[in-house]
Amino acid sequence: MSDPVSLKIRGEGEYEVKGLLWDQGFYQIAHGVDGEGNPVAFRAALYEEDEEREPRRRELVRQWEFLKDLGETGRVPRPVEKVIAEEGEPMVVMELVEGESLYDVVTGRRDCREGMEPTQALSLVAEILEVVTAAHEKGWLIRDFDPRRFWVDGDGPVRLVSTSRVVRRGMPLEAFQLETSRAYVAPEVRDEMTGTMQRRSADLYGLGALLSFLVTGEEPRDRVESPLSFQAFERLQAWELPGQELLIARLLQPLAKKRLGRAERLKPFLSVESLPTREMKGFEMTMLPAPWLGLEMENPEENRGLRSQLSEGPLVSVEGGQDDEQWGLNWPLVVFAVVVVVLALFFALLSGG
């Protein structure tokens, strides 16, 4: 499929590929029509060496199974046909989803430069939660919640159009599946390959990262302890909705056991009227992860915190007046020298007496 224009495909039906939509290296997505002229999309797994053929086929079959399991939700492209030929690239034919990604919705409109209104953002996440809940019930994990993966067309439903990271619980991953948007993936599964990390709370972290982007317009960072940028942190605290801050804080906890553990537990909080409060169990001590200002410095390598051997996590550097380092003095050494001098004088006086 290096040049997909006017390419003929024959499976159970006949299709014609018209053009390339997306090239991600190990697979391509193209658009075309079926035998009746209806628009469809094609996802083809690509490989250059023979040893890559079977892993790519397994990857495509896995995505086909996900679409089949979740097709009834209306939140993923409708699967049409799986074309796994003996020769050539394996391919999945599916519904063509048009519109724009949530990333483009937020960044491409003047009135959304600093994020959406909370009501709209919470409503979108509630829609996405439907496919997450259905996926969990059928043994799937979505893991990567990059807003570029979710598309919306006008007033239609939000749909997950990119399924390259979905995994069936307990199924090992292929190496090429690690090409993900790490900031939207829970820390404990960013490099997990065995398929044994089956916590559903990993998907709730991804939803928290996505919600943070929707309401702030700032993409999260892949730092475990400080996923929020300084701008995102300020915008969240500026909202007159402390419950929104609490909800994102609970979802972005680096430790899975401190998040909401199941998708159905998140659903009651996804409206402005039902946001959590500090009086609710599990939210009493929840704090929004503060940004580490050292990451925004022009020369972060000069920050003392980055050179600390105590922790790899963010360290708070308090700015003050003229500190010890500014004067170039090592006060413990100065005190020790003074004590030594005083003792020497004392013993000299004794010996002279």
Protein backbone atom coordinates (compact mmCIF):
# COMPACT_ATOMS: atom_id res chain seq x y z
CA MET A 1 0.00 0.00 0.00
CA SER A 2 2.86 2.40 -0.61
CA ASP A 3 0.74 4.11 -3.29
CA PRO A 4 -2.88 3.40 -2.36
CA VAL A 5 -4.59 5.51 -5.04
CA SER A 6 -7.00 3.43 -7.17
CA LEU A 7 -5.83 0.18 -5.55
CA LYS A 8 -8.36 -2.65 -5.94
CA ILE A 9 -9.00 -4.95 -2.99
CA ARG A 10 -11.02 -8.15 -3.14
CA GLY A 11 -12.26 -9.86 0.01
CA GLU A 12 -15.80 -11.04 0.52
CA GLY A 13 -16.69 -7.69 -1.02
CA GLU A 14 -14.95 -5.48 -3.56
CA TYR A 15 -13.29 -2.23 -2.50
CA GLU A 16 -11.34 0.56 -4.10
CA VAL A 17 -8.77 2.58 -2.17
CA LYS A 18 -8.81 6.26 -3.10
CA GLY A 19 -6.12 7.86 -0.94
CA LEU A 20 -3.95 7.71 2.15
CA LEU A 21 -5.24 9.19 5.42
CA TRP A 22 -2.54 8.28 7.90
CA ASP A 23 0.87 6.64 7.78
CA GLN A 24 2.25 5.56 11.15
CA GLY A 25 5.16 3.48 9.98
CA PHE A 26 3.92 0.02 10.89
CA TYR A 27 0.42 0.53 9.54
CA GLN A 28 -1.48 2.83 7.23
CA ILE A 29 -5.07 4.04 7.18
CA ALA A 30 -6.59 4.83 3.79
CA HIS A 31 -10.04 5.77 2.57
CA GLY A 32 -12.06 4.47 -0.33
CA VAL A 33 -15.42 2.96 -1.28
CA ASP A 34 -17.08 -0.42 -1.30
CA GLY A 35 -18.76 -2.01 -4.31
CA GLU A 36 -21.84 0.16 -3.82
CA GLY A 37 -19.91 3.41 -3.52
CA ASN A 38 -20.23 3.72 0.27
CA PRO A 39 -17.23 5.36 1.98
CA VAL A 40 -15.03 3.01 4.02
CA ALA A 41 -11.64 3.11 5.72
CA PHE A 42 -8.83 0.57 5.43
CA ARG A 43 -6.28 -0.22 8.10
CA ALA A 44 -3.33 -2.17 6.68
CA ALA A 45 -0.50 -3.68 8.70
CA LEU A 46 2.85 -3.17 6.96
CA TYR A 47 6.05 -5.19 7.21
CA GLU A 48 9.40 -5.21 5.45
CA GLU A 49 10.85 -8.52 6.62
CA ASP A 50 9.25 -11.99 6.65
CA GLU A 51 9.71 -12.32 10.39
CA GLU A 52 7.51 -9.25 10.85
CA ARG A 53 4.59 -10.77 8.97
CA GLU A 54 3.00 -12.91 11.71
CA PRO A 55 3.31 -10.31 14.52
CA ARG A 56 1.67 -7.72 12.26
CA ARG A 57 -1.13 -10.10 11.42
CA ARG A 58 -1.73 -10.87 15.08
CA GLU A 59 -1.86 -7.14 15.75
CA LEU A 60 -4.48 -6.59 13.05
CA VAL A 61 -6.59 -9.57 14.16
CA ARG A 62 -6.52 -8.19 17.70
CA GLN A 63 -7.79 -4.81 16.50
CA TRP A 64 -10.50 -6.52 14.44
CA GLU A 65 -11.66 -8.45 17.52
CA PHE A 66 -11.79 -5.22 19.52
CA LEU A 67 -13.94 -3.52 16.86
CA LYS A 68 -16.25 -6.54 16.72
CA ASP A 69 -16.65 -6.62 20.52
CA LEU A 70 -17.27 -2.87 20.82
CA GLY A 71 -19.08 -2.18 17.55
CA GLU A 72 -22.50 -2.18 19.19
CA THR A 73 -21.58 0.78 21.40
CA GLY A 74 -21.44 3.16 18.44
CA ARG A 75 -18.23 4.58 19.92
CA VAL A 76 -15.77 2.85 17.56
CA PRO A 77 -15.78 2.54 13.75
CA ARG A 78 -18.19 -0.15 12.57
CA PRO A 79 -16.15 -3.17 11.38
CA VAL A 80 -16.93 -4.30 7.82
CA GLU A 81 -14.50 -7.05 6.88
CA LYS A 82 -11.20 -8.63 7.85
CA VAL A 83 -8.99 -9.29 4.81
CA ILE A 84 -6.08 -11.53 5.79
CA ALA A 85 -4.65 -12.71 2.50
CA GLU A 86 -1.78 -15.15 2.01
CA GLU A 87 0.11 -12.54 0.03
CA GLY A 88 0.24 -8.80 0.61
CA GLU A 89 -0.54 -6.80 3.71
CA PRO A 90 -3.33 -7.93 6.03
CA MET A 91 -6.13 -5.40 6.20
CA VAL A 92 -9.26 -4.45 8.12
CA VAL A 93 -12.11 -2.68 6.33
CA MET A 94 -14.19 -0.47 8.61
CA GLU A 95 -16.52 2.50 8.65
CA LEU A 96 -14.94 5.80 7.63
CA VAL A 97 -15.21 8.22 10.56
CA GLU A 98 -15.17 11.86 9.54
CA GLY A 99 -14.93 15.04 11.60
CA GLU A 100 -12.03 16.29 13.72
CA SER A 101 -10.07 15.05 16.68
CA LEU A 102 -10.60 16.36 20.20
CA TYR A 103 -7.07 17.73 19.99
CA ASP A 104 -8.04 19.85 16.99
CA VAL A 105 -11.29 20.90 18.66
CA VAL A 106 -9.36 22.34 21.61
CA THR A 107 -6.36 23.82 19.81
CA GLY A 108 -7.97 24.93 16.57
CA ARG A 109 -10.75 27.18 17.84
CA ARG A 110 -10.16 30.66 19.18
CA ASP A 111 -12.68 30.27 22.01
CA CYS A 112 -10.99 27.05 23.18
CA ARG A 113 -7.39 28.28 23.36
CA GLU A 114 -7.36 27.67 27.12
CA GLY A 115 -9.62 24.66 27.17
CA MET A 116 -13.33 23.92 27.07
CA GLU A 117 -16.06 24.84 29.47
CA PRO A 118 -16.24 22.18 32.21
CA THR A 119 -19.78 21.17 31.24
CA GLN A 120 -18.71 20.33 27.69
CA ALA A 121 -15.49 18.59 28.76
CA LEU A 122 -17.24 16.44 31.37
CA SER A 123 -19.91 15.51 28.85
CA LEU A 124 -17.29 14.36 26.34
CA VAL A 125 -15.49 12.28 28.96
CA ALA A 126 -18.83 10.73 29.98
CA GLU A 127 -19.29 9.62 26.35
CA ILE A 128 -15.78 8.16 26.22
CA LEU A 129 -16.44 6.40 29.51
CA GLU A 130 -19.16 4.40 27.76
CA VAL A 131 -16.66 2.68 25.48
CA VAL A 132 -14.22 2.26 28.39
CA THR A 133 -16.89 0.56 30.51
CA ALA A 134 -17.93 -1.71 27.63
CA ALA A 135 -14.28 -2.55 26.89
CA HIS A 136 -13.60 -3.50 30.51
CA GLU A 137 -16.68 -5.72 30.60
CA LYS A 138 -15.37 -7.64 27.58
CA GLY A 139 -11.80 -7.92 28.90
CA TRP A 140 -10.15 -5.08 26.97
CA LEU A 141 -7.98 -2.17 28.13
CA ILE A 142 -7.62 0.99 26.02
CA ARG A 143 -4.60 2.50 27.83
CA ASP A 144 -3.74 5.41 25.50
CA PHE A 145 -6.15 8.38 25.75
CA ASP A 146 -4.41 10.84 23.45
CA PRO A 147 -7.08 13.33 22.26
CA ARG A 148 -5.89 12.73 18.68
CA ARG A 149 -7.37 9.23 18.94
CA PHE A 150 -10.90 10.47 19.63
CA TRP A 151 -12.93 12.09 16.86
CA VAL A 152 -16.21 13.95 16.84
CA ASP A 153 -18.33 15.07 13.89
CA GLY A 154 -20.61 18.00 14.71
CA ASP A 155 -23.14 16.97 17.34
CA GLY A 156 -22.42 13.29 16.81
CA PRO A 157 -20.90 10.95 19.41
CA VAL A 158 -17.22 10.91 20.34
CA ARG A 159 -15.57 7.89 18.77
CA LEU A 160 -12.28 6.07 19.34
CA VAL A 161 -10.79 5.84 15.84
CA SER A 162 -7.24 4.70 16.65
CA THR A 163 -7.04 1.29 18.31
CA SER A 164 -3.31 0.57 18.01
CA ARG A 165 -2.80 0.47 21.77
CA VAL A 166 -5.84 -1.51 22.93
CA VAL A 167 -4.96 -4.82 24.54
CA ARG A 168 -6.94 -7.81 25.69
CA ARG A 169 -6.29 -8.48 29.35
CA GLY A 170 -3.62 -11.13 29.79
CA MET A 171 -2.43 -10.91 26.16
CA PRO A 172 1.25 -9.99 25.65
CA LEU A 173 2.01 -7.01 23.43
CA GLU A 174 4.20 -6.81 20.37
CA ALA A 175 7.21 -4.47 20.56
CA PHE A 176 5.85 -2.09 17.93
CA GLN A 177 2.77 -1.40 20.06
CA LEU A 178 4.88 0.69 22.42
CA GLU A 179 4.66 3.71 20.10
CA THR A 180 2.20 5.57 22.31
CA SER A 181 1.51 9.02 23.70
CA ARG A 182 3.11 8.35 27.07
CA ALA A 183 1.63 11.39 28.80
CA TYR A 184 -1.86 9.93 28.28
CA VAL A 185 -0.87 6.44 29.49
CA ALA A 186 -0.74 5.42 33.16
CA PRO A 187 2.87 5.21 34.44
CA GLU A 188 2.65 1.54 35.44
CA VAL A 189 1.80 0.35 31.91
CA ARG A 190 3.85 2.69 29.71
CA ASP A 191 6.48 0.03 29.05
CA GLU A 192 4.54 -3.05 30.14
CA MET A 193 4.79 -5.88 27.60
CA THR A 194 3.60 -9.04 29.31
CA GLY A 195 -0.12 -8.28 29.43
CA THR A 196 -0.21 -9.22 33.11
CA MET A 197 -0.69 -5.63 34.31
CA GLN A 198 -4.47 -5.80 34.20
CA ARG A 199 -5.56 -2.96 36.45
CA ARG A 200 -8.50 -1.12 34.94
CA SER A 201 -7.47 1.96 36.91
CA ALA A 202 -4.77 2.49 34.24
CA ASP A 203 -7.53 3.59 31.87
CA LEU A 204 -8.88 5.98 34.50
CA TYR A 205 -5.47 7.70 34.65
CA GLY A 206 -5.68 8.18 30.88
CA LEU A 207 -9.15 9.69 31.23
CA GLY A 208 -7.82 12.07 33.88
CA ALA A 209 -4.98 13.18 31.58
CA LEU A 210 -7.48 13.70 28.75
CA LEU A 211 -9.88 15.67 30.98
CA SER A 212 -7.00 17.87 32.14
CA PHE A 213 -6.15 18.70 28.52
CA LEU A 214 -9.78 19.41 27.60
CA VAL A 215 -10.32 21.93 30.41
CA THR A 216 -6.89 23.62 30.33
CA GLY A 217 -5.76 23.39 26.70
CA GLU A 218 -2.35 22.25 28.00
CA GLU A 219 -1.11 18.75 27.20
CA PRO A 220 0.10 16.75 30.21
CA ARG A 221 3.71 15.67 30.62
CA ASP A 222 4.94 12.10 30.98
CA ARG A 223 6.58 12.84 34.35
CA VAL A 224 5.17 10.49 36.96
CA GLU A 225 5.16 12.91 39.90
CA SER A 226 4.30 16.14 38.06
CA PRO A 227 2.19 15.45 34.97
CA LEU A 228 0.72 18.98 34.89
CA SER A 229 2.48 21.96 33.40
CA PHE A 230 2.58 25.17 35.40
CA GLN A 231 -0.04 26.72 33.09
CA ALA A 232 -2.40 23.75 33.44
CA PHE A 233 -2.02 23.79 37.23
CA GLU A 234 -2.81 27.51 37.40
CA ARG A 235 -5.85 27.20 35.13
CA LEU A 236 -7.30 24.32 37.13
CA GLN A 237 -6.92 26.24 40.37
CA ALA A 238 -8.44 29.36 38.81
CA TRP A 239 -11.74 27.62 38.03
CA GLU A 240 -14.53 28.29 40.50
CA LEU A 241 -15.15 24.54 40.56
CA PRO A 242 -12.92 22.92 43.18
CA GLY A 243 -14.61 19.59 42.48
CA GLN A 244 -13.11 19.53 39.00
CA GLU A 245 -9.65 19.94 40.49
CA LEU A 246 -10.35 17.15 43.00
CA LEU A 247 -11.55 14.78 40.29
CA ILE A 248 -8.50 15.28 38.08
CA ALA A 249 -6.22 15.02 41.13
CA ARG A 250 -7.76 11.67 42.07
CA LEU A 251 -7.44 10.28 38.55
CA LEU A 252 -3.83 11.42 38.06
CA GLN A 253 -2.48 9.70 41.17
CA PRO A 254 0.81 7.94 40.25
CA LEU A 255 -0.13 4.96 42.46
CA ALA A 256 -2.97 2.96 40.91
CA LYS A 257 -4.49 2.03 44.28
CA LYS A 258 -5.11 5.71 45.06
CA ARG A 259 -7.17 6.35 41.93
CA LEU A 260 -10.75 5.43 41.26
CA GLY A 261 -10.44 1.76 40.44
CA ARG A 262 -13.40 1.08 38.14
CA ALA A 263 -15.03 2.97 35.29
CA GLU A 264 -18.49 2.79 36.89
CA ARG A 265 -17.17 4.63 39.95
CA LEU A 266 -16.22 7.61 37.78
CA LYS A 267 -19.60 7.97 36.08
CA PRO A 268 -21.48 9.71 38.96
CA PHE A 269 -18.95 12.59 39.00
CA LEU A 270 -19.12 13.57 35.32
CA SER A 271 -21.39 16.59 35.56
CA VAL A 272 -20.87 20.04 37.06
CA GLU A 273 -23.67 19.41 39.55
CA SER A 274 -22.16 16.16 40.88
CA LEU A 275 -18.44 16.94 41.09
CA PRO A 276 -16.76 15.52 44.22
CA THR A 277 -16.17 17.45 47.45
CA ARG A 278 -13.60 17.04 50.21
CA GLU A 279 -16.31 15.60 52.44
CA MET A 280 -16.61 12.53 50.18
CA LYS A 281 -14.71 9.37 51.00
CA GLY A 282 -11.47 9.11 49.04
CA PHE A 283 -11.25 12.83 48.32
CA GLU A 284 -10.48 14.15 51.82
CA MET A 285 -6.70 14.41 51.32
CA THR A 286 -6.51 14.41 47.52
CA MET A 287 -4.16 17.05 46.15
CA LEU A 288 -3.59 18.15 42.58
CA PRO A 289 -0.01 17.16 41.57
CA ALA A 290 1.91 20.43 41.63
CA PRO A 291 4.16 21.28 38.67
CA TRP A 292 7.90 21.25 39.15
CA LEU A 293 9.06 24.67 38.09
CA GLY A 294 12.52 23.34 37.33
CA LEU A 295 11.15 21.82 34.13
CA GLU A 296 10.21 25.27 32.84
CA MET A 297 13.63 26.81 33.52
CA GLU A 298 15.74 27.93 30.56
CA ASN A 299 18.72 26.02 31.97
CA PRO A 300 17.28 23.20 34.09
CA GLU A 301 20.70 21.54 34.36
CA GLU A 302 21.72 24.42 36.63
CA ASN A 303 18.91 23.68 39.08
CA ARG A 304 20.18 22.11 42.31
CA GLY A 305 17.13 19.86 42.55
CA LEU A 306 18.02 18.13 39.30
CA ARG A 307 21.42 17.17 40.71
CA SER A 308 20.03 15.80 43.97
CA GLN A 309 20.91 12.21 44.83
CA LEU A 310 18.04 11.91 47.29
CA SER A 311 15.19 11.43 44.85
CA GLU A 312 14.45 11.31 41.14
CA GLY A 313 11.14 13.03 41.83
CA PRO A 314 10.41 16.75 41.81
CA LEU A 315 12.09 18.77 44.52
CA VAL A 316 10.78 22.16 45.61
CA SER A 317 13.43 24.88 45.47
CA VAL A 318 12.38 27.86 47.58
CA GLU A 319 13.53 31.19 46.23
CA GLY A 320 14.71 33.57 48.93
CA GLY A 321 17.27 36.23 49.70
CA GLN A 322 21.00 35.75 49.85
CA ASP A 323 21.52 32.13 50.79
CA ASP A 324 24.66 30.24 51.71
CA GLU A 325 25.45 29.20 48.18
CA GLN A 326 25.16 32.76 46.91
CA TRP A 327 27.85 33.90 49.33
CA GLY A 328 30.04 30.95 48.44
CA LEU A 329 30.29 29.85 52.10
CA ASN A 330 30.08 26.38 53.57
CA TRP A 331 28.76 27.21 57.05
CA PRO A 332 29.31 23.77 58.67
CA LEU A 333 32.97 23.95 57.62
CA VAL A 334 33.26 27.53 58.93
CA VAL A 335 31.83 26.52 62.33
CA PHE A 336 34.20 23.54 62.51
CA ALA A 337 37.22 25.76 61.75
CA VAL A 338 36.21 28.27 64.44
CA VAL A 339 35.88 25.48 67.03
CA VAL A 340 39.31 24.12 66.09
CA VAL A 341 40.90 27.58 66.45
CA VAL A 342 39.26 28.19 69.83
CA LEU A 343 40.40 24.82 71.17
CA ALA A 344 43.95 25.42 69.91
CA LEU A 345 44.09 28.78 71.69
CA PHE A 346 42.68 27.22 74.86
CA PHE A 347 45.33 24.47 74.97
CA ALA A 348 48.04 27.00 74.13
CA LEU A 349 47.05 29.12 77.15
CA LEU A 350 47.04 26.04 79.40
CA SER A 351 50.47 24.94 78.28
CA GLY A 352 51.83 28.50 78.69
CA GLY A 353 50.41 28.71 82.22
